[in-house]
Amino acid sequence: VQLQASGGGLVQAGGSLRLSCTASGRTFSSYAMGWFRQAPGKEREFVATISRIGSTYYADSVKGRFTTSRDNARNTVYLQMNSLKPEDTAAYYCAAERTGWGRPLLAHEYDYWGQGTLVTVSS
C-alpha cells in the first residue's frame, strides 16, 4: 500500500486547510486510517484516527477544530483543519492500519505511512 498525502501549505492563524491522503490498492476500505504530526525538534504525535466503519477519535489538542473523514470510493482520507493555531505547525503524516478496528493511537500500531505534508500556521 502506498499513501500520498497532500494539501499542506501556509495559512494564517484562524484559517483552515484540508489535507488529503490517497491510498493505492483495493483494500483501503478495510483499513483504519490515522493522522500524525511532527513539529521540528519534537516527537511524532497522534492527531486523529478513523476506523473502517467511520468511527473517529481525536487528540485533545485538536478536538473540536479538526475533523477526519474518508471516501472509500476514492481511496482517500481527509483531515479538515479549522481554527488553526501556530502550534499546529508541523509535518502531517497519514498512516494505515490493516485490521481496521479499534482505536490505534500509537505510531507503531500502523503498518503503512505516507510522506509528510507541511502545514505552517503564521501568527
Protein backbone atom coordinates (compact mmCIF):
# COMPACT_ATOMS: atom_id res chain seq x y z
CA VAL A 1 0.00 0.00 0.00
CA GLN A 2 1.29 3.43 -0.90
CA LEU A 3 -0.09 6.56 0.70
CA GLN A 4 0.17 10.00 -0.85
CA ALA A 5 -0.59 12.99 1.35
CA SER A 6 -1.27 16.47 0.02
CA GLY A 7 -2.88 19.76 0.92
CA GLY A 8 -0.35 21.34 3.22
CA GLY A 9 0.66 24.96 2.96
CA LEU A 10 0.98 28.30 4.67
CA VAL A 11 -2.07 29.74 6.42
CA GLN A 12 -2.71 32.49 8.92
CA ALA A 13 -3.85 31.71 12.43
CA GLY A 14 -7.59 31.15 12.49
CA GLY A 15 -7.60 29.85 8.94
CA SER A 16 -8.39 26.42 7.54
CA LEU A 17 -6.74 23.74 5.46
CA ARG A 18 -7.87 20.35 4.23
CA LEU A 19 -5.33 17.57 3.93
CA SER A 20 -5.93 14.56 1.71
CA CYS A 21 -4.31 11.15 1.73
CA THR A 22 -4.91 8.79 -1.18
CA ALA A 23 -4.06 5.11 -0.99
CA SER A 24 -3.16 2.67 -3.71
CA GLY A 25 -4.68 -0.79 -3.80
CA ARG A 26 -8.13 -2.27 -3.41
CA THR A 27 -8.20 -2.85 0.35
CA PHE A 28 -8.39 0.76 1.52
CA SER A 29 -11.91 0.32 2.91
CA SER A 30 -10.69 -2.34 5.34
CA TYR A 31 -8.01 -0.15 6.93
CA ALA A 32 -8.15 2.16 9.86
CA MET A 33 -6.51 5.43 8.89
CA GLY A 34 -4.62 7.80 11.11
CA TRP A 35 -3.07 11.24 11.07
CA PHE A 36 0.06 12.16 12.97
CA ARG A 37 2.19 15.27 13.04
CA GLN A 38 5.74 16.14 13.88
CA ALA A 39 6.97 19.61 14.66
CA PRO A 40 10.66 20.49 14.40
CA GLY A 41 12.56 19.14 17.38
CA LYS A 42 9.56 17.24 18.70
CA GLU A 43 8.36 13.67 18.60
CA ARG A 44 5.68 12.50 16.23
CA GLU A 45 2.28 12.80 17.88
CA PHE A 46 -1.14 11.37 17.23
CA VAL A 47 -3.75 13.70 15.75
CA ALA A 48 -6.78 11.66 14.64
CA THR A 49 -7.93 8.25 13.54
CA ILE A 50 -10.90 6.86 11.65
CA SER A 51 -11.87 3.20 11.66
CA ARG A 52 -13.06 1.12 8.74
CA ILE A 53 -16.65 1.89 9.74
CA GLY A 54 -16.05 5.59 10.22
CA SER A 55 -15.61 5.86 13.97
CA THR A 56 -13.32 8.74 14.80
CA TYR A 57 -11.11 9.77 17.67
CA TYR A 58 -9.04 12.90 18.18
CA ALA A 59 -6.21 14.17 20.27
CA ASP A 60 -7.39 16.64 22.89
CA SER A 61 -5.29 19.36 21.29
CA VAL A 62 -7.32 19.27 18.06
CA LYS A 63 -10.74 18.13 19.28
CA GLY A 64 -13.46 20.46 18.06
CA ARG A 65 -11.19 22.02 15.43
CA PHE A 66 -10.13 19.09 13.23
CA THR A 67 -12.34 16.53 11.51
CA THR A 68 -11.25 13.39 9.73
CA SER A 69 -13.40 11.61 7.17
CA ARG A 70 -12.98 9.02 4.48
CA ASP A 71 -14.25 8.35 0.99
CA ASN A 72 -13.74 4.67 0.27
CA ALA A 73 -14.81 5.07 -3.36
CA ARG A 74 -11.88 7.44 -3.83
CA ASN A 75 -9.45 5.56 -1.55
CA THR A 76 -8.98 8.85 0.26
CA VAL A 77 -8.99 10.06 3.84
CA TYR A 78 -9.27 13.73 4.72
CA LEU A 79 -8.27 15.93 7.62
CA GLN A 80 -10.22 19.18 7.75
CA MET A 81 -8.37 21.62 9.97
CA ASN A 82 -10.18 24.74 11.17
CA SER A 83 -9.25 27.50 13.60
CA LEU A 84 -5.61 26.75 13.04
CA LYS A 85 -3.06 27.89 15.59
CA PRO A 86 0.68 28.49 15.27
CA GLU A 87 1.25 25.43 17.46
CA ASP A 88 -0.39 23.30 14.74
CA THR A 89 2.66 23.94 12.56
CA ALA A 90 4.18 20.57 11.69
CA ALA A 91 4.68 17.96 9.02
CA TYR A 92 1.48 15.93 8.87
CA TYR A 93 1.55 12.23 8.05
CA CYS A 94 -1.18 9.79 7.16
CA ALA A 95 -0.95 6.13 8.05
CA ALA A 96 -2.90 2.91 7.52
CA GLU A 97 -3.56 0.12 9.98
CA ARG A 98 -4.53 -3.25 8.46
CA THR A 99 -7.05 -4.64 10.92
CA GLY A 100 -9.32 -1.63 10.58
CA TRP A 101 -10.82 -1.88 14.04
CA GLY A 102 -10.08 -0.46 17.43
CA ARG A 103 -8.54 2.87 18.12
CA PRO A 104 -4.87 2.86 17.13
CA LEU A 105 -3.27 5.85 18.80
CA LEU A 106 0.39 4.89 18.63
CA ALA A 107 2.63 5.16 15.61
CA HIS A 108 3.90 1.60 15.91
CA GLU A 109 0.34 0.28 15.52
CA TYR A 110 0.25 1.47 11.91
CA ASP A 111 1.54 -0.59 9.02
CA TYR A 112 1.94 1.90 6.21
CA TRP A 113 2.93 5.54 6.12
CA GLY A 114 2.76 8.34 3.62
CA GLN A 115 5.25 11.10 3.19
CA GLY A 116 4.64 14.21 5.21
CA THR A 117 2.90 17.33 4.03
CA LEU A 118 3.98 20.55 5.70
CA VAL A 119 1.49 22.82 7.43
CA THR A 120 2.72 26.22 8.55
CA VAL A 121 0.45 28.49 10.57
CA SER A 122 1.60 32.08 10.92
CA SER A 123 0.60 34.28 13.84
